[in-house]
Amino acid sequence: QVHLVESGGGLVQPGESLRLSCTASGRFYNIGWYRHGSGSQREWVATITPLGSAHYADSVKDRFTISLDAAKTTVYLQMNDLKPEDTAVYYCNARTISKSREGYWGQGTQVTVHS
């Protein structure tokens, strides 16, 4: 029902910034970002509801900001003061009433933080 396409990843040095985008086709009640680093399990990063209620993992709190555009079709993740431990594939996830547990997933976008 919901198709997700992420973009905005890349290679940056520590302390620099990136902004990830995820455009959704279809309606959702919750959308956010997860990441999967090499040798680790996928972890939750941040989520936001269409009404604007946002939540963050402790590891990115005060550095990352999640937001939705006015049309509620695109979610952004502004990533500031990036650290090497932020290196991962970042995935967009959207949850609907019919698929509230696992949600829908995008293909992922690579973020690499390295000197």
PDB file of N, CA and C in Angstrom:
ATOM      1  N   GLN A   1       0.824  -1.207   0.000  1.00  0.00           N
ATOM      2  CA  GLN A   1       0.000   0.000   0.000  1.00  0.00           C
ATOM      3  C   GLN A   1       0.860   1.260   0.000  1.00  0.00           C
ATOM      4  N   VAL A   2       1.943   1.250   0.769  1.00  0.00           N
ATOM      5  CA  VAL A   2       2.815   2.411   0.894  1.00  0.00           C
ATOM      6  C   VAL A   2       4.176   2.091   0.295  1.00  0.00           C
ATOM      7  N   HIS A   3       4.610   2.927  -0.632  1.00  0.00           N
ATOM      8  CA  HIS A   3       5.935   2.811  -1.216  1.00  0.00           C
ATOM      9  C   HIS A   3       6.807   3.942  -0.697  1.00  0.00           C
ATOM     10  N   LEU A   4       8.031   3.611  -0.305  1.00  0.00           N
ATOM     11  CA  LEU A   4       8.943   4.560   0.303  1.00  0.00           C
ATOM     12  C   LEU A   4      10.245   4.604  -0.474  1.00  0.00           C
ATOM     13  N   VAL A   5      10.739   5.808  -0.714  1.00  0.00           N
ATOM     14  CA  VAL A   5      11.992   5.998  -1.430  1.00  0.00           C
ATOM     15  C   VAL A   5      12.853   6.979  -0.652  1.00  0.00           C
ATOM     16  N   GLU A   6      14.020   6.517  -0.194  1.00  0.00           N
ATOM     17  CA  GLU A   6      14.942   7.354   0.558  1.00  0.00           C
ATOM     18  C   GLU A   6      16.007   7.948  -0.353  1.00  0.00           C
ATOM     19  N   SER A   7      16.554   9.075   0.084  1.00  0.00           N
ATOM     20  CA  SER A   7      17.660   9.702  -0.619  1.00  0.00           C
ATOM     21  C   SER A   7      18.396  10.617   0.351  1.00  0.00           C
ATOM     22  N   GLY A   8      19.565  11.087  -0.051  1.00  0.00           N
ATOM     23  CA  GLY A   8      20.311  12.054   0.739  1.00  0.00           C
ATOM     24  C   GLY A   8      21.538  11.525   1.435  1.00  0.00           C
ATOM     25  N   GLY A   9      21.775  10.237   1.377  1.00  0.00           N
ATOM     26  CA  GLY A   9      22.960   9.686   2.005  1.00  0.00           C
ATOM     27  C   GLY A   9      24.222  10.082   1.271  1.00  0.00           C
ATOM     28  N   GLY A  10      25.355   9.825   1.911  1.00  0.00           N
ATOM     29  CA  GLY A  10      26.624  10.163   1.300  1.00  0.00           C
ATOM     30  C   GLY A  10      27.776   9.988   2.257  1.00  0.00           C
ATOM     31  N   LEU A  11      28.936  10.479   1.848  1.00  0.00           N
ATOM     32  CA  LEU A  11      30.156  10.406   2.638  1.00  0.00           C
ATOM     33  C   LEU A  11      30.490  11.787   3.178  1.00  0.00           C
ATOM     34  N   VAL A  12      30.629  11.890   4.498  1.00  0.00           N
ATOM     35  CA  VAL A  12      30.972  13.151   5.137  1.00  0.00           C
ATOM     36  C   VAL A  12      32.013  12.913   6.209  1.00  0.00           C
ATOM     37  N   GLN A  13      32.675  13.994   6.621  1.00  0.00           N
ATOM     38  CA  GLN A  13      33.634  13.927   7.706  1.00  0.00           C
ATOM     39  C   GLN A  13      32.942  14.147   9.043  1.00  0.00           C
ATOM     40  N   PRO A  14      33.535  13.684  10.134  1.00  0.00           N
ATOM     41  CA  PRO A  14      32.939  13.921  11.451  1.00  0.00           C
ATOM     42  C   PRO A  14      32.668  15.396  11.692  1.00  0.00           C
ATOM     43  N   GLY A  15      31.505  15.676  12.279  1.00  0.00           N
ATOM     44  CA  GLY A  15      31.102  17.040  12.554  1.00  0.00           C
ATOM     45  C   GLY A  15      30.277  17.685  11.467  1.00  0.00           C
ATOM     46  N   GLU A  16      30.249  17.101  10.296  1.00  0.00           N
ATOM     47  CA  GLU A  16      29.464  17.651   9.195  1.00  0.00           C
ATOM     48  C   GLU A  16      28.019  17.169   9.265  1.00  0.00           C
ATOM     49  N   SER A  17      27.213  17.612   8.302  1.00  0.00           N
ATOM     50  CA  SER A  17      25.779  17.351   8.334  1.00  0.00           C
ATOM     51  C   SER A  17      25.282  16.738   7.036  1.00  0.00           C
ATOM     52  N   LEU A  18      24.176  16.039   7.140  1.00  0.00           N
ATOM     53  CA  LEU A  18      23.450  15.501   6.003  1.00  0.00           C
ATOM     54  C   LEU A  18      21.962  15.617   6.284  1.00  0.00           C
ATOM     55  N   ARG A  19      21.170  15.682   5.229  1.00  0.00           N
ATOM     56  CA  ARG A  19      19.732  15.629   5.370  1.00  0.00           C
ATOM     57  C   ARG A  19      19.175  14.509   4.513  1.00  0.00           C
ATOM     58  N   LEU A  20      18.533  13.556   5.150  1.00  0.00           N
ATOM     59  CA  LEU A  20      17.905  12.451   4.459  1.00  0.00           C
ATOM     60  C   LEU A  20      16.452  12.779   4.151  1.00  0.00           C
ATOM     61  N   SER A  21      15.963  12.263   3.037  1.00  0.00           N
ATOM     62  CA  SER A  21      14.575  12.450   2.646  1.00  0.00           C
ATOM     63  C   SER A  21      13.940  11.106   2.349  1.00  0.00           C
ATOM     64  N   CYS A  22      12.666  10.994   2.640  1.00  0.00           N
ATOM     65  CA  CYS A  22      11.899   9.797   2.332  1.00  0.00           C
ATOM     66  C   CYS A  22      10.524  10.225   1.865  1.00  0.00           C
ATOM     67  N   THR A  23      10.203   9.907   0.633  1.00  0.00           N
ATOM     68  CA  THR A  23       8.912  10.252   0.064  1.00  0.00           C
ATOM     69  C   THR A  23       8.014   9.027   0.053  1.00  0.00           C
ATOM     70  N   ALA A  24       6.806   9.191   0.573  1.00  0.00           N
ATOM     71  CA  ALA A  24       5.861   8.094   0.696  1.00  0.00           C
ATOM     72  C   ALA A  24       4.691   8.272  -0.262  1.00  0.00           C
ATOM     73  N   SER A  25       4.306   7.193  -0.900  1.00  0.00           N
ATOM     74  CA  SER A  25       3.092   7.159  -1.700  1.00  0.00           C
ATOM     75  C   SER A  25       2.086   6.294  -0.963  1.00  0.00           C
ATOM     76  N   GLY A  26       1.072   6.924  -0.409  1.00  0.00           N
ATOM     77  CA  GLY A  26       0.111   6.226   0.417  1.00  0.00           C
ATOM     78  C   GLY A  26       0.020   6.871   1.789  1.00  0.00           C
ATOM     79  N   ARG A  27      -1.037   6.550   2.506  1.00  0.00           N
ATOM     80  CA  ARG A  27      -1.276   7.154   3.812  1.00  0.00           C
ATOM     81  C   ARG A  27      -0.647   6.319   4.922  1.00  0.00           C
ATOM     82  N   PHE A  28      -0.249   6.995   5.974  1.00  0.00           N
ATOM     83  CA  PHE A  28       0.375   6.350   7.120  1.00  0.00           C
ATOM     84  C   PHE A  28      -0.004   7.079   8.394  1.00  0.00           C
ATOM     85  N   TYR A  29       0.190   6.416   9.518  1.00  0.00           N
ATOM     86  CA  TYR A  29      -0.093   7.026  10.809  1.00  0.00           C
ATOM     87  C   TYR A  29       1.164   7.246  11.636  1.00  0.00           C
ATOM     88  N   ASN A  30       2.268   6.723  11.168  1.00  0.00           N
ATOM     89  CA  ASN A  30       3.542   6.899  11.834  1.00  0.00           C
ATOM     90  C   ASN A  30       4.639   6.661  10.807  1.00  0.00           C
ATOM     91  N   ILE A  31       5.672   7.480  10.834  1.00  0.00           N
ATOM     92  CA  ILE A  31       6.773   7.322   9.896  1.00  0.00           C
ATOM     93  C   ILE A  31       8.064   7.709  10.595  1.00  0.00           C
ATOM     94  N   GLY A  32       9.153   7.047  10.204  1.00  0.00           N
ATOM     95  CA  GLY A  32      10.408   7.364  10.860  1.00  0.00           C
ATOM     96  C   GLY A  32      11.596   6.719  10.194  1.00  0.00           C
ATOM     97  N   TRP A  33      12.710   6.736  10.928  1.00  0.00           N
ATOM     98  CA  TRP A  33      13.982   6.265  10.414  1.00  0.00           C
ATOM     99  C   TRP A  33      14.588   5.217  11.329  1.00  0.00           C
ATOM    100  N   TYR A  34      15.173   4.214  10.718  1.00  0.00           N
ATOM    101  CA  TYR A  34      15.941   3.187  11.390  1.00  0.00           C
ATOM    102  C   TYR A  34      17.288   3.083  10.685  1.00  0.00           C
ATOM    103  N   ARG A  35      18.277   2.502  11.355  1.00  0.00           N
ATOM    104  CA  ARG A  35      19.569   2.345  10.724  1.00  0.00           C
ATOM    105  C   ARG A  35      20.170   0.991  11.056  1.00  0.00           C
ATOM    106  N   HIS A  36      21.012   0.520  10.153  1.00  0.00           N
ATOM    107  CA  HIS A  36      21.657  -0.771  10.305  1.00  0.00           C
ATOM    108  C   HIS A  36      23.123  -0.608   9.956  1.00  0.00           C
ATOM    109  N   GLY A  37      23.963  -0.561  10.977  1.00  0.00           N
ATOM    110  CA  GLY A  37      25.397  -0.485  10.770  1.00  0.00           C
ATOM    111  C   GLY A  37      25.983  -1.856  10.533  1.00  0.00           C
ATOM    112  N   SER A  38      27.194  -1.883  10.010  1.00  0.00           N
ATOM    113  CA  SER A  38      27.861  -3.157   9.756  1.00  0.00           C
ATOM    114  C   SER A  38      28.128  -3.875  11.075  1.00  0.00           C
ATOM    115  N   GLY A  39      27.776  -5.140  11.122  1.00  0.00           N
ATOM    116  CA  GLY A  39      27.998  -5.927  12.317  1.00  0.00           C
ATOM    117  C   GLY A  39      27.046  -5.644  13.461  1.00  0.00           C
ATOM    118  N   SER A  40      25.955  -4.937  13.203  1.00  0.00           N
ATOM    119  CA  SER A  40      24.985  -4.625  14.238  1.00  0.00           C
ATOM    120  C   SER A  40      23.573  -4.853  13.729  1.00  0.00           C
ATOM    121  N   GLN A  41      22.630  -4.923  14.652  1.00  0.00           N
ATOM    122  CA  GLN A  41      21.234  -5.080  14.286  1.00  0.00           C
ATOM    123  C   GLN A  41      20.608  -3.724  13.970  1.00  0.00           C
ATOM    124  N   ARG A  42      19.542  -3.761  13.234  1.00  0.00           N
ATOM    125  CA  ARG A  42      18.844  -2.531  12.891  1.00  0.00           C
ATOM    126  C   ARG A  42      18.272  -1.887  14.152  1.00  0.00           C
ATOM    127  N   GLU A  43      18.471  -0.595  14.297  1.00  0.00           N
ATOM    128  CA  GLU A  43      18.011   0.120  15.471  1.00  0.00           C
ATOM    129  C   GLU A  43      17.145   1.315  15.079  1.00  0.00           C
ATOM    130  N   TRP A  44      16.251   1.656  15.946  1.00  0.00           N
ATOM    131  CA  TRP A  44      15.374   2.790  15.752  1.00  0.00           C
ATOM    132  C   TRP A  44      16.138   4.092  15.964  1.00  0.00           C
ATOM    133  N   VAL A  45      15.878   5.068  15.117  1.00  0.00           N
ATOM    134  CA  VAL A  45      16.534   6.367  15.199  1.00  0.00           C
ATOM    135  C   VAL A  45      15.552   7.451  15.642  1.00  0.00           C
ATOM    136  N   ALA A  46      14.459   7.607  14.893  1.00  0.00           N
ATOM    137  CA  ALA A  46      13.484   8.647  15.196  1.00  0.00           C
ATOM    138  C   ALA A  46      12.180   8.356  14.475  1.00  0.00           C
ATOM    139  N   THR A  47      11.072   8.800  15.045  1.00  0.00           N
ATOM    140  CA  THR A  47       9.771   8.665  14.418  1.00  0.00           C
ATOM    141  C   THR A  47       8.971   9.937  14.627  1.00  0.00           C
ATOM    142  N   ILE A  48       7.969  10.119  13.786  1.00  0.00           N
ATOM    143  CA  ILE A  48       7.092  11.275  13.883  1.00  0.00           C
ATOM    144  C   ILE A  48       5.712  10.889  13.378  1.00  0.00           C
ATOM    145  N   THR A  49       4.683  11.484  13.960  1.00  0.00           N
ATOM    146  CA  THR A  49       3.311  11.264  13.525  1.00  0.00           C
ATOM    147  C   THR A  49       2.883  12.406  12.618  1.00  0.00           C
ATOM    148  N   PRO A  50       1.811  12.217  11.837  1.00  0.00           N
ATOM    149  CA  PRO A  50       1.320  13.321  11.000  1.00  0.00           C
ATOM    150  C   PRO A  50       0.950  14.561  11.792  1.00  0.00           C
ATOM    151  N   LEU A  51       0.647  14.406  13.078  1.00  0.00           N
ATOM    152  CA  LEU A  51       0.334  15.551  13.915  1.00  0.00           C
ATOM    153  C   LEU A  51       1.575  16.227  14.481  1.00  0.00           C
ATOM    154  N   GLY A  52       2.744  15.657  14.233  1.00  0.00           N
ATOM    155  CA  GLY A  52       3.984  16.310  14.610  1.00  0.00           C
ATOM    156  C   GLY A  52       4.643  15.845  15.889  1.00  0.00           C
ATOM    157  N   SER A  53       4.156  14.775  16.483  1.00  0.00           N
ATOM    158  CA  SER A  53       4.771  14.251  17.697  1.00  0.00           C
ATOM    159  C   SER A  53       6.016  13.444  17.333  1.00  0.00           C
ATOM    160  N   ALA A  54       7.180  13.929  17.751  1.00  0.00           N
ATOM    161  CA  ALA A  54       8.450  13.322  17.373  1.00  0.00           C
ATOM    162  C   ALA A  54       9.152  12.695  18.567  1.00  0.00           C
ATOM    163  N   HIS A  55       9.871  11.607  18.311  1.00  0.00           N
ATOM    164  CA  HIS A  55      10.632  10.909  19.337  1.00  0.00           C
ATOM    165  C   HIS A  55      11.970  10.492  18.761  1.00  0.00           C
ATOM    166  N   TYR A  56      12.997  10.468  19.623  1.00  0.00           N
ATOM    167  CA  TYR A  56      14.351  10.182  19.187  1.00  0.00           C
ATOM    168  C   TYR A  56      15.021   9.159  20.081  1.00  0.00           C
ATOM    169  N   ALA A  57      15.916   8.391  19.480  1.00  0.00           N
ATOM    170  CA  ALA A  57      16.784   7.532  20.258  1.00  0.00           C
ATOM    171  C   ALA A  57      17.789   8.390  21.013  1.00  0.00           C
ATOM    172  N   ASP A  58      18.210   7.925  22.179  1.00  0.00           N
ATOM    173  CA  ASP A  58      19.148   8.693  22.987  1.00  0.00           C
ATOM    174  C   ASP A  58      20.457   8.976  22.245  1.00  0.00           C
ATOM    175  N   SER A  59      20.866   8.067  21.380  1.00  0.00           N
ATOM    176  CA  SER A  59      22.133   8.209  20.686  1.00  0.00           C
ATOM    177  C   SER A  59      22.158   9.364  19.691  1.00  0.00           C
ATOM    178  N   VAL A  60      20.989   9.831  19.259  1.00  0.00           N
ATOM    179  CA  VAL A  60      20.929  10.903  18.269  1.00  0.00           C
ATOM    180  C   VAL A  60      20.209  12.139  18.784  1.00  0.00           C
ATOM    181  N   LYS A  61      19.663  12.061  19.964  1.00  0.00           N
ATOM    182  CA  LYS A  61      18.943  13.191  20.536  1.00  0.00           C
ATOM    183  C   LYS A  61      19.857  14.413  20.623  1.00  0.00           C
ATOM    184  N   ASP A  62      19.325  15.571  20.272  1.00  0.00           N
ATOM    185  CA  ASP A  62      20.027  16.856  20.274  1.00  0.00           C
ATOM    186  C   ASP A  62      20.936  17.041  19.063  1.00  0.00           C
ATOM    187  N   ARG A  63      21.075  16.026  18.231  1.00  0.00           N
ATOM    188  CA  ARG A  63      21.859  16.144  17.008  1.00  0.00           C
ATOM    189  C   ARG A  63      21.010  15.982  15.751  1.00  0.00           C
ATOM    190  N   PHE A  64      20.019  15.105  15.800  1.00  0.00           N
ATOM    191  CA  PHE A  64      19.162  14.837  14.657  1.00  0.00           C
ATOM    192  C   PHE A  64      17.798  15.477  14.868  1.00  0.00           C
ATOM    193  N   THR A  65      17.163  15.864  13.766  1.00  0.00           N
ATOM    194  CA  THR A  65      15.822  16.417  13.804  1.00  0.00           C
ATOM    195  C   THR A  65      14.980  15.781  12.715  1.00  0.00           C
ATOM    196  N   ILE A  66      13.835  15.225  13.101  1.00  0.00           N
ATOM    197  CA  ILE A  66      12.918  14.629  12.141  1.00  0.00           C
ATOM    198  C   ILE A  66      11.765  15.593  11.897  1.00  0.00           C
ATOM    199  N   SER A  67      11.285  15.638  10.670  1.00  0.00           N
ATOM    200  CA  SER A  67      10.202  16.549  10.330  1.00  0.00           C
ATOM    201  C   SER A  67       9.427  16.027   9.133  1.00  0.00           C
ATOM    202  N   LEU A  68       8.218  16.549   8.953  1.00  0.00           N
ATOM    203  CA  LEU A  68       7.362  16.237   7.819  1.00  0.00           C
ATOM    204  C   LEU A  68       7.095  17.501   7.024  1.00  0.00           C
ATOM    205  N   ASP A  69       6.928  17.346   5.720  1.00  0.00           N
ATOM    206  CA  ASP A  69       6.546  18.490   4.918  1.00  0.00           C
ATOM    207  C   ASP A  69       5.060  18.775   5.114  1.00  0.00           C
ATOM    208  N   ALA A  70       4.599  19.897   4.572  1.00  0.00           N
ATOM    209  CA  ALA A  70       3.222  20.321   4.783  1.00  0.00           C
ATOM    210  C   ALA A  70       2.219  19.337   4.197  1.00  0.00           C
ATOM    211  N   ALA A  71       2.579  18.682   3.120  1.00  0.00           N
ATOM    212  CA  ALA A  71       1.690  17.728   2.476  1.00  0.00           C
ATOM    213  C   ALA A  71       1.651  16.376   3.176  1.00  0.00           C
ATOM    214  N   LYS A  72       2.511  16.178   4.150  1.00  0.00           N
ATOM    215  CA  LYS A  72       2.595  14.925   4.906  1.00  0.00           C
ATOM    216  C   LYS A  72       2.953  13.742   4.011  1.00  0.00           C
ATOM    217  N   THR A  73       3.768  13.996   3.011  1.00  0.00           N
ATOM    218  CA  THR A  73       4.194  12.947   2.093  1.00  0.00           C
ATOM    219  C   THR A  73       5.682  12.659   2.165  1.00  0.00           C
ATOM    220  N   THR A  74       6.448  13.577   2.725  1.00  0.00           N
ATOM    221  CA  THR A  74       7.893  13.416   2.794  1.00  0.00           C
ATOM    222  C   THR A  74       8.385  13.645   4.214  1.00  0.00           C
ATOM    223  N   VAL A  75       9.184  12.728   4.703  1.00  0.00           N
ATOM    224  CA  VAL A  75       9.793  12.872   6.016  1.00  0.00           C
ATOM    225  C   VAL A  75      11.279  13.142   5.830  1.00  0.00           C
ATOM    226  N   TYR A  76      11.817  14.024   6.663  1.00  0.00           N
ATOM    227  CA  TYR A  76      13.219  14.388   6.596  1.00  0.00           C
ATOM    228  C   TYR A  76      13.920  14.012   7.889  1.00  0.00           C
ATOM    229  N   LEU A  77      15.203  13.772   7.779  1.00  0.00           N
ATOM    230  CA  LEU A  77      16.042  13.575   8.946  1.00  0.00           C
ATOM    231  C   LEU A  77      17.268  14.459   8.786  1.00  0.00           C
ATOM    232  N   GLN A  78      17.273  15.575   9.507  1.00  0.00           N
ATOM    233  CA  GLN A  78      18.423  16.464   9.515  1.00  0.00           C
ATOM    234  C   GLN A  78      19.436  15.924  10.505  1.00  0.00           C
ATOM    235  N   MET A  79      20.607  15.583  10.022  1.00  0.00           N
ATOM    236  CA  MET A  79      21.635  14.943  10.822  1.00  0.00           C
ATOM    237  C   MET A  79      22.815  15.903  10.965  1.00  0.00           C
ATOM    238  N   ASN A  80      22.981  16.454  12.167  1.00  0.00           N
ATOM    239  CA  ASN A  80      24.062  17.384  12.448  1.00  0.00           C
ATOM    240  C   ASN A  80      25.106  16.746  13.343  1.00  0.00           C
ATOM    241  N   ASP A  81      26.299  17.312  13.307  1.00  0.00           N
ATOM    242  CA  ASP A  81      27.405  16.829  14.128  1.00  0.00           C
ATOM    243  C   ASP A  81      27.561  15.312  14.007  1.00  0.00           C
ATOM    244  N   LEU A  82      27.655  14.857  12.790  1.00  0.00           N
ATOM    245  CA  LEU A  82      27.736  13.419  12.550  1.00  0.00           C
ATOM    246  C   LEU A  82      29.016  12.824  13.115  1.00  0.00           C
ATOM    247  N   LYS A  83      28.895  11.620  13.617  1.00  0.00           N
ATOM    248  CA  LYS A  83      30.000  10.897  14.228  1.00  0.00           C
ATOM    249  C   LYS A  83      30.236   9.597  13.476  1.00  0.00           C
ATOM    250  N   PRO A  84      31.444   9.046  13.558  1.00  0.00           N
ATOM    251  CA  PRO A  84      31.710   7.779  12.865  1.00  0.00           C
ATOM    252  C   PRO A  84      30.721   6.678  13.239  1.00  0.00           C
ATOM    253  N   GLU A  85      30.259   6.660  14.474  1.00  0.00           N
ATOM    254  CA  GLU A  85      29.312   5.645  14.895  1.00  0.00           C
ATOM    255  C   GLU A  85      27.929   5.806  14.273  1.00  0.00           C
ATOM    256  N   ASP A  86      27.696   6.922  13.584  1.00  0.00           N
ATOM    257  CA  ASP A  86      26.452   7.110  12.847  1.00  0.00           C
ATOM    258  C   ASP A  86      26.473   6.414  11.496  1.00  0.00           C
ATOM    259  N   THR A  87      27.621   5.912  11.092  1.00  0.00           N
ATOM    260  CA  THR A  87      27.744   5.219   9.816  1.00  0.00           C
ATOM    261  C   THR A  87      26.809   4.012   9.780  1.00  0.00           C
ATOM    262  N   ALA A  88      25.951   3.960   8.770  1.00  0.00           N
ATOM    263  CA  ALA A  88      24.969   2.890   8.654  1.00  0.00           C
ATOM    264  C   ALA A  88      24.159   3.089   7.386  1.00  0.00           C
ATOM    265  N   VAL A  89      23.387   2.074   7.051  1.00  0.00           N
ATOM    266  CA  VAL A  89      22.351   2.224   6.051  1.00  0.00           C
ATOM    267  C   VAL A  89      21.097   2.687   6.777  1.00  0.00           C
ATOM    268  N   TYR A  90      20.538   3.792   6.338  1.00  0.00           N
ATOM    269  CA  TYR A  90      19.362   4.357   6.973  1.00  0.00           C
ATOM    270  C   TYR A  90      18.119   3.996   6.179  1.00  0.00           C
ATOM    271  N   TYR A  91      17.118   3.475   6.877  1.00  0.00           N
ATOM    272  CA  TYR A  91      15.885   3.012   6.259  1.00  0.00           C
ATOM    273  C   TYR A  91      14.699   3.832   6.740  1.00  0.00           C
ATOM    274  N   CYS A  92      13.819   4.139   5.831  1.00  0.00           N
ATOM    275  CA  CYS A  92      12.558   4.787   6.151  1.00  0.00           C
ATOM    276  C   CYS A  92      11.498   3.721   6.407  1.00  0.00           C
ATOM    277  N   ASN A  93      10.663   3.943   7.407  1.00  0.00           N
ATOM    278  CA  ASN A  93       9.595   3.008   7.753  1.00  0.00           C
ATOM    279  C   ASN A  93       8.306   3.766   8.002  1.00  0.00           C
ATOM    280  N   ALA A  94       7.212   3.261   7.445  1.00  0.00           N
ATOM    281  CA  ALA A  94       5.895   3.854   7.642  1.00  0.00           C
ATOM    282  C   ALA A  94       4.925   2.789   8.096  1.00  0.00           C
ATOM    283  N   ARG A  95       4.119   3.122   9.087  1.00  0.00           N
ATOM    284  CA  ARG A  95       3.137   2.185   9.624  1.00  0.00           C
ATOM    285  C   ARG A  95       1.728   2.650   9.322  1.00  0.00           C
ATOM    286  N   THR A  96       0.892   1.677   8.967  1.00  0.00           N
ATOM    287  CA  THR A  96      -0.511   1.923   8.686  1.00  0.00           C
ATOM    288  C   THR A  96      -1.358   1.069   9.605  1.00  0.00           C
ATOM    289  N   ILE A  97      -2.667   1.298   9.574  1.00  0.00           N
ATOM    290  CA  ILE A  97      -3.562   0.497  10.401  1.00  0.00           C
ATOM    291  C   ILE A  97      -3.495  -0.974  10.011  1.00  0.00           C
ATOM    292  N   SER A  98      -3.443  -1.250   8.716  1.00  0.00           N
ATOM    293  CA  SER A  98      -3.421  -2.627   8.245  1.00  0.00           C
ATOM    294  C   SER A  98      -2.073  -3.305   8.445  1.00  0.00           C
ATOM    295  N   LYS A  99      -1.020  -2.537   8.605  1.00  0.00           N
ATOM    296  CA  LYS A  99       0.322  -3.075   8.801  1.00  0.00           C
ATOM    297  C   LYS A  99       1.004  -2.287   9.909  1.00  0.00           C
ATOM    298  N   SER A 100       0.410  -2.355  11.081  1.00  0.00           N
ATOM    299  CA  SER A 100       0.850  -1.522  12.201  1.00  0.00           C
ATOM    300  C   SER A 100       2.071  -2.066  12.925  1.00  0.00           C
ATOM    301  N   ARG A 101       2.345  -3.343  12.776  1.00  0.00           N
ATOM    302  CA  ARG A 101       3.449  -3.945  13.517  1.00  0.00           C
ATOM    303  C   ARG A 101       4.787  -3.768  12.813  1.00  0.00           C
ATOM    304  N   GLU A 102       4.904  -4.261  11.594  1.00  0.00           N
ATOM    305  CA  GLU A 102       6.179  -4.183  10.875  1.00  0.00           C
ATOM    306  C   GLU A 102       6.279  -2.972   9.969  1.00  0.00           C
ATOM    307  N   GLY A 103       5.165  -2.462   9.502  1.00  0.00           N
ATOM    308  CA  GLY A 103       5.165  -1.312   8.623  1.00  0.00           C
ATOM    309  C   GLY A 103       5.709  -1.632   7.244  1.00  0.00           C
ATOM    310  N   TYR A 104       5.935  -0.576   6.477  1.00  0.00           N
ATOM    311  CA  TYR A 104       6.533  -0.676   5.155  1.00  0.00           C
ATOM    312  C   TYR A 104       7.936  -0.099   5.191  1.00  0.00           C
ATOM    313  N   TRP A 105       8.820  -0.644   4.375  1.00  0.00           N
ATOM    314  CA  TRP A 105      10.228  -0.253   4.390  1.00  0.00           C
ATOM    315  C   TRP A 105      10.690   0.251   3.040  1.00  0.00           C
ATOM    316  N   GLY A 106      11.572   1.231   3.070  1.00  0.00           N
ATOM    317  CA  GLY A 106      12.246   1.685   1.870  1.00  0.00           C
ATOM    318  C   GLY A 106      13.481   0.845   1.603  1.00  0.00           C
ATOM    319  N   GLN A 107      14.221   1.209   0.554  1.00  0.00           N
ATOM    320  CA  GLN A 107      15.389   0.425   0.154  1.00  0.00           C
ATOM    321  C   GLN A 107      16.650   0.784   0.931  1.00  0.00           C
ATOM    322  N   GLY A 108      16.641   1.910   1.609  1.00  0.00           N
ATOM    323  CA  GLY A 108      17.777   2.334   2.398  1.00  0.00           C
ATOM    324  C   GLY A 108      18.709   3.267   1.646  1.00  0.00           C
ATOM    325  N   THR A 109      19.422   4.099   2.403  1.00  0.00           N
ATOM    326  CA  THR A 109      20.422   4.991   1.842  1.00  0.00           C
ATOM    327  C   THR A 109      21.643   4.989   2.751  1.00  0.00           C
ATOM    328  N   GLN A 110      22.824   4.896   2.150  1.00  0.00           N
ATOM    329  CA  GLN A 110      24.060   4.742   2.900  1.00  0.00           C
ATOM    330  C   GLN A 110      24.569   6.076   3.421  1.00  0.00           C
ATOM    331  N   VAL A 111      24.892   6.106   4.706  1.00  0.00           N
ATOM    332  CA  VAL A 111      25.539   7.251   5.332  1.00  0.00           C
ATOM    333  C   VAL A 111      26.877   6.786   5.884  1.00  0.00           C
ATOM    334  N   THR A 112      27.951   7.425   5.446  1.00  0.00           N
ATOM    335  CA  THR A 112      29.288   7.082   5.908  1.00  0.00           C
ATOM    336  C   THR A 112      29.958   8.318   6.481  1.00  0.00           C
ATOM    337  N   VAL A 113      30.419   8.219   7.718  1.00  0.00           N
ATOM    338  CA  VAL A 113      31.094   9.313   8.402  1.00  0.00           C
ATOM    339  C   VAL A 113      32.535   8.873   8.657  1.00  0.00           C
ATOM    340  N   HIS A 114      33.475   9.505   7.961  1.00  0.00           N
ATOM    341  CA  HIS A 114      34.860   9.079   8.032  1.00  0.00           C
ATOM    342  C   HIS A 114      35.780  10.234   7.671  1.00  0.00           C
ATOM    343  N   SER A 115      36.924  10.281   8.325  1.00  0.00           N
ATOM    344  CA  SER A 115      37.897  11.331   8.048  1.00  0.00           C
ATOM    345  C   SER A 115      38.564  11.111   6.702  1.00  0.00           C
TER     346      SER A 115
END
